[in-house]
Protein backbone atom coordinates (compact mmCIF):
# COMPACT_ATOMS: atom_id res chain seq x y z
CA UNK A 1 56.95 137.84 73.08
CA UNK A 2 60.02 136.44 71.38
CA UNK A 3 59.27 132.58 70.20
CA UNK A 4 61.86 130.54 72.38
CA UNK A 5 60.21 127.45 71.48
CA UNK A 6 57.67 126.16 69.45
CA UNK A 7 55.77 125.57 73.08
CA UNK A 8 55.73 129.12 73.74
CA UNK A 9 54.61 130.10 69.86
CA UNK A 10 51.43 127.65 70.40
CA UNK A 11 50.40 129.05 73.97
CA UNK A 12 50.36 132.45 72.10
CA UNK A 13 48.04 130.90 69.07
CA UNK A 14 46.02 129.77 71.64
CA UNK A 15 45.63 132.89 73.50
CA UNK A 16 45.27 134.65 70.25
CA UNK A 17 42.77 132.19 68.78
CA UNK A 18 40.66 132.77 72.58
CA UNK A 19 40.24 136.23 72.20
CA UNK A 20 39.97 136.59 68.29
CA UNK A 21 38.28 133.78 66.79
CA UNK A 22 37.27 133.48 64.18
CA UNK A 23 40.51 135.53 62.48
CA UNK A 24 38.10 137.13 60.23
CA UNK A 25 34.50 138.64 61.00
CA UNK A 26 32.85 137.57 63.97
CA UNK A 27 31.20 134.63 65.38
CA UNK A 28 27.47 134.63 65.71
CA UNK A 29 25.99 135.66 68.74
CA UNK A 30 24.77 132.41 69.77
CA UNK A 31 28.10 130.61 69.22
CA UNK A 32 30.88 130.34 71.73
CA UNK A 33 34.45 129.16 70.82
CA UNK A 34 36.66 127.25 73.24
CA UNK A 35 40.25 126.76 73.00
CA UNK A 36 42.34 123.41 73.96
CA UNK A 37 45.76 122.22 72.83
CA UNK A 38 47.60 118.80 72.00
CA UNK A 39 44.17 116.62 71.19
CA UNK A 40 43.26 114.46 68.78
CA UNK A 41 43.05 110.70 68.07
CA UNK A 42 45.38 107.86 68.43
CA UNK A 43 46.08 108.56 64.97
CA UNK A 44 46.76 112.18 64.85
CA UNK A 45 47.09 115.00 67.44
CA UNK A 46 46.72 118.33 66.40
CA UNK A 47 48.58 121.35 68.41
CA UNK A 48 45.14 123.75 68.91
CA UNK A 49 41.97 122.89 68.64
CA UNK A 50 38.88 125.54 68.25
CA UNK A 51 35.36 124.01 68.97
CA UNK A 52 32.32 126.52 68.34
CA UNK A 53 29.94 125.33 70.36
CA UNK A 54 26.05 126.32 70.53
CA UNK A 55 26.03 128.65 73.73
CA UNK A 56 22.77 127.79 75.20
CA UNK A 57 23.49 124.04 74.24
CA UNK A 58 27.12 124.49 76.01
CA UNK A 59 25.36 125.50 78.98
CA UNK A 60 23.07 122.64 79.03
CA UNK A 61 26.31 120.42 78.66
CA UNK A 62 27.84 122.09 81.68
CA UNK A 63 25.05 120.26 83.73
CA UNK A 64 27.08 117.20 83.15
CA UNK A 65 30.13 118.70 85.32
CA UNK A 66 33.37 120.27 84.24
CA UNK A 67 35.25 117.06 83.56
CA UNK A 68 35.12 115.29 80.30
CA UNK A 69 32.50 112.52 79.43
CA UNK A 70 34.41 109.45 77.44
CA UNK A 71 33.16 107.48 75.31
CA UNK A 72 31.77 104.64 77.78
CA UNK A 73 30.01 108.01 79.70
CA UNK A 74 28.53 109.40 76.58
CA UNK A 75 27.06 106.00 75.55
CA UNK A 76 24.89 106.08 79.01
CA UNK A 77 24.26 109.67 78.79
CA UNK A 78 22.99 109.75 75.21
CA UNK A 79 21.04 106.80 75.14
CA UNK A 80 19.44 107.03 79.05
CA UNK A 81 15.36 106.68 78.76
CA UNK A 82 13.42 108.91 80.32
CA UNK A 83 11.90 106.62 82.41
CA UNK A 84 13.20 103.84 84.65
CA UNK A 85 14.10 101.04 82.40
CA UNK A 86 16.80 98.21 82.97
CA UNK A 87 20.32 99.07 81.81
CA UNK A 88 20.12 96.38 79.08
CA UNK A 89 16.86 97.30 77.45
CA UNK A 90 17.97 100.97 77.41
CA UNK A 91 21.43 101.02 76.24
CA UNK A 92 22.64 99.65 72.73
CA UNK A 93 24.08 96.21 72.44
CA UNK A 94 28.31 96.62 73.18
CA UNK A 95 30.66 94.45 71.12
CA UNK A 96 32.41 93.73 74.33
CA UNK A 97 31.16 92.25 77.71
CA UNK A 98 28.18 94.04 79.59
CA UNK A 99 30.12 94.11 82.90
CA UNK A 100 31.66 96.84 81.22
CA UNK A 101 28.75 98.90 80.45
CA UNK A 102 27.50 98.32 83.93
CA UNK A 103 30.66 99.72 85.21
CA UNK A 104 30.27 102.73 83.23
CA UNK A 105 26.41 103.63 84.77
CA UNK A 106 27.66 103.07 88.02
CA UNK A 107 30.45 105.92 86.95
CA UNK A 108 27.73 108.02 85.16
CA UNK A 109 25.86 107.68 88.68
CA UNK A 110 28.05 108.91 90.81
CA UNK A 111 28.98 111.86 88.75
CA UNK A 112 25.44 112.87 88.71
CA UNK A 113 24.69 112.56 85.24
CA UNK A 114 21.94 110.08 85.30
CA UNK A 115 19.66 108.52 87.94
CA UNK A 116 19.82 104.44 88.87
CA UNK A 117 17.83 102.68 91.14
CA UNK A 118 18.23 98.87 91.83
CA UNK A 119 14.37 96.83 91.50
CA UNK A 120 14.04 93.04 91.14
CA UNK A 121 17.78 92.50 91.52
CA UNK A 122 18.29 94.40 88.37
CA UNK A 123 20.53 97.71 87.61
CA UNK A 124 17.65 100.32 86.34
CA UNK A 125 18.55 104.20 85.08
CA UNK A 126 17.05 107.25 84.19
CA UNK A 127 18.08 110.43 82.38
CA UNK A 128 18.62 113.37 84.56
CA UNK A 129 19.09 115.96 81.39
CA UNK A 130 19.21 115.28 77.97
CA UNK A 131 22.44 115.64 76.45
CA UNK A 132 22.63 118.44 74.08
CA UNK A 133 24.24 118.33 70.30
CA UNK A 134 26.16 121.44 71.54
CA UNK A 135 29.34 121.11 69.24
CA UNK A 136 28.76 122.92 65.77
CA UNK A 137 32.47 123.06 64.49
CA UNK A 138 36.04 121.61 65.17
CA UNK A 139 38.74 123.59 63.77
CA UNK A 140 42.52 122.03 63.78
CA UNK A 141 45.49 124.50 63.97
CA UNK A 142 49.27 123.04 63.22
CA UNK A 143 51.47 125.78 64.87
CA UNK A 144 55.21 125.84 63.10
CA UNK A 145 56.94 129.09 64.16
CA UNK A 146 59.89 128.53 61.67
CA UNK A 147 58.77 126.46 59.18
CA UNK A 148 62.08 124.99 57.44
CA UNK A 149 61.87 122.97 54.05
CA UNK A 150 62.31 119.66 56.02
CA UNK A 151 59.41 120.92 58.38
CA UNK A 152 56.86 121.72 55.60
CA UNK A 153 57.61 118.57 53.86
CA UNK A 154 56.82 116.74 57.12
CA UNK A 155 53.49 118.74 57.73
CA UNK A 156 52.40 118.74 54.36
CA UNK A 157 51.92 114.83 54.48
CA UNK A 158 49.85 115.50 57.48
CA UNK A 159 48.16 118.09 56.40
CA UNK A 160 46.59 115.91 53.51
CA UNK A 161 45.77 112.88 55.57
CA UNK A 162 43.89 115.83 57.59
CA UNK A 163 41.82 116.92 54.61
CA UNK A 164 41.20 113.08 53.06
CA UNK A 165 40.00 111.99 56.71
CA UNK A 166 37.74 115.49 57.12
CA UNK A 167 37.47 114.71 60.70
CA UNK A 168 37.61 118.50 61.26
CA UNK A 169 35.64 121.29 59.77
CA UNK A 170 38.63 123.28 58.55
CA UNK A 171 42.75 122.83 58.98
CA UNK A 172 44.82 125.76 59.28
CA UNK A 173 48.74 126.09 59.86
CA UNK A 174 49.97 128.73 61.78
CA UNK A 175 53.62 130.42 60.94
CA UNK A 176 55.44 133.21 62.40
CA UNK A 177 55.79 136.48 60.20
CA UNK A 178 58.84 136.63 58.30
CA UNK A 179 58.08 140.14 56.56
CA UNK A 180 59.22 138.94 53.02
CA UNK A 181 57.36 140.18 50.18
CA UNK A 182 55.47 136.76 49.58
CA UNK A 183 55.67 134.50 52.90
CA UNK A 184 57.32 131.40 52.44
CA UNK A 185 54.74 129.11 53.65
CA UNK A 186 52.52 130.26 50.73
CA UNK A 187 55.28 128.60 48.58
CA UNK A 188 55.32 125.35 50.07
CA UNK A 189 53.36 122.62 48.54
CA UNK A 190 50.25 122.09 51.28
CA UNK A 191 46.86 121.16 50.21
CA UNK A 192 45.03 124.16 48.94
CA UNK A 193 42.31 123.02 51.58
CA UNK A 194 44.26 124.25 54.53
CA UNK A 195 44.42 128.02 55.51
CA UNK A 196 47.56 129.96 56.62
CA UNK A 197 47.84 132.27 59.34
CA UNK A 198 50.49 134.55 59.82
CA UNK A 199 51.52 134.87 63.04
CA UNK A 200 53.24 138.43 64.70
CA UNK A 201 54.61 137.70 68.26
CA UNK A 202 56.66 141.10 69.22
CA UNK A 203 53.54 143.19 69.62
CA UNK A 204 52.92 145.12 72.09
CA UNK A 205 49.65 144.14 72.65
CA UNK A 206 50.72 140.34 72.39
CA UNK A 207 50.55 137.52 69.59
CA UNK A 208 48.41 138.68 66.69
CA UNK A 209 47.57 136.79 63.30
CA UNK A 210 46.13 137.30 60.04
CA UNK A 211 45.08 135.19 57.12
CA UNK A 212 47.18 134.86 54.34
CA UNK A 213 45.14 131.98 52.76
CA UNK A 214 41.77 130.95 53.55
CA UNK A 215 40.48 127.09 54.51
CA UNK A 216 38.28 125.41 52.69
CA UNK A 217 35.32 123.75 54.54
CA UNK A 218 35.88 120.00 54.65
CA UNK A 219 32.87 117.55 54.44
CA UNK A 220 33.17 116.75 58.32
CA UNK A 221 29.89 115.04 58.33
CA UNK A 222 30.11 112.69 55.37
CA UNK A 223 32.74 109.37 55.25
CA UNK A 224 36.28 110.16 54.96
CA UNK A 225 39.75 108.23 53.88
CA UNK A 226 41.97 107.16 56.35
CA UNK A 227 45.45 107.26 54.85
CA UNK A 228 47.75 104.69 56.27
CA UNK A 229 50.47 104.38 53.70
CA UNK A 230 51.43 107.13 51.07
CA UNK A 231 52.55 105.56 47.80
CA UNK A 232 56.24 105.15 47.92
CA UNK A 233 58.38 103.42 45.20
CA UNK A 234 57.09 99.60 44.80
CA UNK A 235 54.84 99.85 47.94
CA UNK A 236 50.97 100.75 46.57
CA UNK A 237 49.18 103.10 49.22
CA UNK A 238 46.93 102.02 51.70
CA UNK A 239 43.52 103.78 53.26
CA UNK A 240 40.93 102.89 55.48
CA UNK A 241 37.20 103.66 55.08
CA UNK A 242 36.15 106.15 58.24
CA UNK A 243 32.31 106.06 58.51
CA UNK A 244 30.38 109.14 59.50
CA UNK A 245 29.36 107.39 62.82
CA UNK A 246 33.17 106.80 63.36
CA UNK A 247 33.76 110.81 62.92
CA UNK A 248 30.87 111.87 64.72
CA UNK A 249 31.97 109.88 68.16
CA UNK A 250 35.77 111.07 67.71
CA UNK A 251 34.50 114.63 67.16
CA UNK A 252 32.05 114.57 70.34
CA UNK A 253 35.49 113.16 71.96
CA UNK A 254 37.74 115.96 70.96
CA UNK A 255 35.48 118.19 72.05
CA UNK A 256 34.45 116.73 75.64
CA UNK A 257 38.23 116.87 76.34
CA UNK A 258 38.78 120.25 74.92
CA UNK A 259 35.68 121.52 77.27
CA UNK A 260 37.30 120.06 80.46
CA UNK A 261 41.40 121.00 79.56
CA UNK A 262 41.48 124.45 77.57
CA UNK A 263 44.66 125.24 77.00
CA UNK A 264 46.25 126.37 80.08
CA UNK A 265 46.50 122.90 81.57
CA UNK A 266 50.35 122.99 80.39
CA UNK A 267 51.23 123.49 84.51
CA UNK A 268 50.05 120.25 84.84
CA UNK A 269 52.90 118.93 82.86
CA UNK A 270 55.44 121.37 84.37
CA UNK A 271 56.92 121.96 87.45
CA UNK A 272 55.46 125.05 89.04
CA UNK A 273 57.04 124.26 92.43
CA UNK A 274 60.60 125.37 91.06
CA UNK A 275 61.34 128.41 93.19
CA UNK A 276 62.25 129.52 89.27
CA UNK A 277 59.29 129.31 87.86
CA UNK A 278 57.41 132.29 87.00
CA UNK A 279 54.34 133.67 85.11
CA UNK A 280 54.78 136.56 83.20
CA UNK A 281 52.67 138.78 81.14
CA UNK A 282 52.84 138.99 77.30
CA UNK A 283 50.06 141.33 76.36
CA UNK A 284 47.11 140.06 78.00
CA UNK A 285 48.36 136.60 78.19
CA UNK A 286 50.33 135.06 80.88
CA UNK A 287 53.29 132.83 80.04
CA UNK A 288 55.54 130.67 81.74
CA UNK A 289 59.28 131.96 82.33
CA UNK A 290 62.20 130.40 83.90
CA UNK A 291 64.13 132.70 86.24
CA UNK A 292 67.19 130.44 86.14
CA UNK A 293 67.45 130.15 82.55
CA UNK A 294 65.96 133.87 81.55
CA UNK A 295 63.26 133.08 79.13
CA UNK A 296 60.14 131.31 78.33
CA UNK A 297 60.91 127.95 78.99
CA UNK A 298 59.01 124.63 77.12
CA UNK A 299 57.53 121.97 78.51
CA UNK A 300 60.06 119.60 78.09
CA UNK A 301 62.48 121.44 79.34
CA UNK A 302 60.40 122.51 82.33
CA UNK A 303 60.69 118.70 83.86
CA UNK A 304 61.92 116.45 86.58
CA UNK A 305 65.24 116.03 84.87
CA UNK A 306 66.09 119.61 84.62
CA UNK A 307 69.34 120.45 86.30
CA UNK A 308 68.14 124.09 87.35
CA UNK A 309 65.42 122.60 89.34
CA UNK A 310 65.23 124.22 93.17
CA UNK A 311 61.99 123.25 95.04
CA UNK A 312 60.23 126.39 96.35
CA UNK A 313 61.54 127.08 100.15
CA UNK A 314 59.84 126.17 103.13
CA UNK A 315 58.97 129.66 103.96
CA UNK A 316 57.07 130.16 100.84
CA UNK A 317 55.10 127.68 101.92
CA UNK A 318 54.26 128.51 105.30
CA UNK A 319 51.29 130.35 105.20
CA UNK A 320 48.02 128.18 104.98
CA UNK A 321 50.38 124.95 103.98
CA UNK A 322 49.69 122.01 103.29
CA UNK A 323 46.11 123.17 102.27
CA UNK A 324 46.78 126.23 99.84
CA UNK A 325 50.35 125.50 99.06
CA UNK A 326 53.11 127.79 98.00
CA UNK A 327 53.47 129.71 94.65
CA UNK A 328 53.41 126.54 92.75
CA UNK A 329 50.19 125.83 93.75
CA UNK A 330 48.86 129.30 93.45
CA UNK A 331 49.99 129.20 89.86
CA UNK A 332 47.94 126.18 89.03
CA UNK A 333 44.81 128.05 90.87
CA UNK A 334 45.33 130.91 88.82
CA UNK A 335 45.33 129.14 85.86
CA UNK A 336 42.37 126.99 86.58
CA UNK A 337 40.55 130.15 87.10
CA UNK A 338 41.30 131.72 84.13
CA UNK A 339 40.32 128.16 82.53
CA UNK A 340 36.73 128.30 84.45
CA UNK A 341 36.34 131.90 83.34
CA UNK A 342 36.62 131.40 79.15
CA UNK A 343 34.17 128.29 79.93
CA UNK A 344 30.55 129.35 79.96
CA UNK A 345 28.19 127.58 82.47
CA UNK A 346 24.68 127.41 83.81
CA UNK A 347 25.14 130.97 85.33
């Protein structure tokens, strides 16, 4: 794979992490790694996220379905009592109107995550299963195949914020190998707490990576510091306190989205219904390929505004249309099937 874009490099790193995590050694037999991309908070989004989960508890999480539980739903399922209780007595006092909590209770019941009933004109709920504590570690990877000096300076500031906040257990920077005696990334001014992965993208077996610098484990379960503004000239630095509870909530939210999306959901924001859209094998990984442009396209290129877009010919859709669809629908089904196979379930 030649790195045509940071997007394709990112997909290669995700595929490598899914097969080879952790970078050195092996996971414990009771731990499973879930890989996703483009996840984070409203303050920060990471290219690749690896969630290390307890395998048994992850299977228990599967009872709640393949879709993520958002913050409101988590508030319901994590606090649902074992016996029938009026929802206002069962759930914590919110800092917003109770009607929104009631809506979340109805959504949770609609997804089969809790039991509800109406008694004496009151909505009561009861847990179906205890929500497990399935997340063990959250690891963030920033992917920069071409780490120029300006890109390194910008990324160093972001990594510094990641380390101060400590939302993830580890933070890594992944960059393409240059075959220099000393990889340039090691000469950049990154926080020493961040690990460095040097990635080979032209190997016959697909993307491979090795550790150039080991990360330090961050205090993910302790309060952190959110850097709002760094000190510049006459302006003083501005910070915010991040509580342990806030970090726990955000980590679980990231893990839930990773569980739902994985890293193969990129076709949802591209145009697989274009006649030029293909999936090509790179080692053991399927990557998007544009036959019109002759390279691996980025998600930005493969959009509604693409001048090379041509819809699939009607004859491609003649069998099973509109239920099964044409090749574009088949590509989405294939990627969804691969995502399901990589996600452990109750079976």
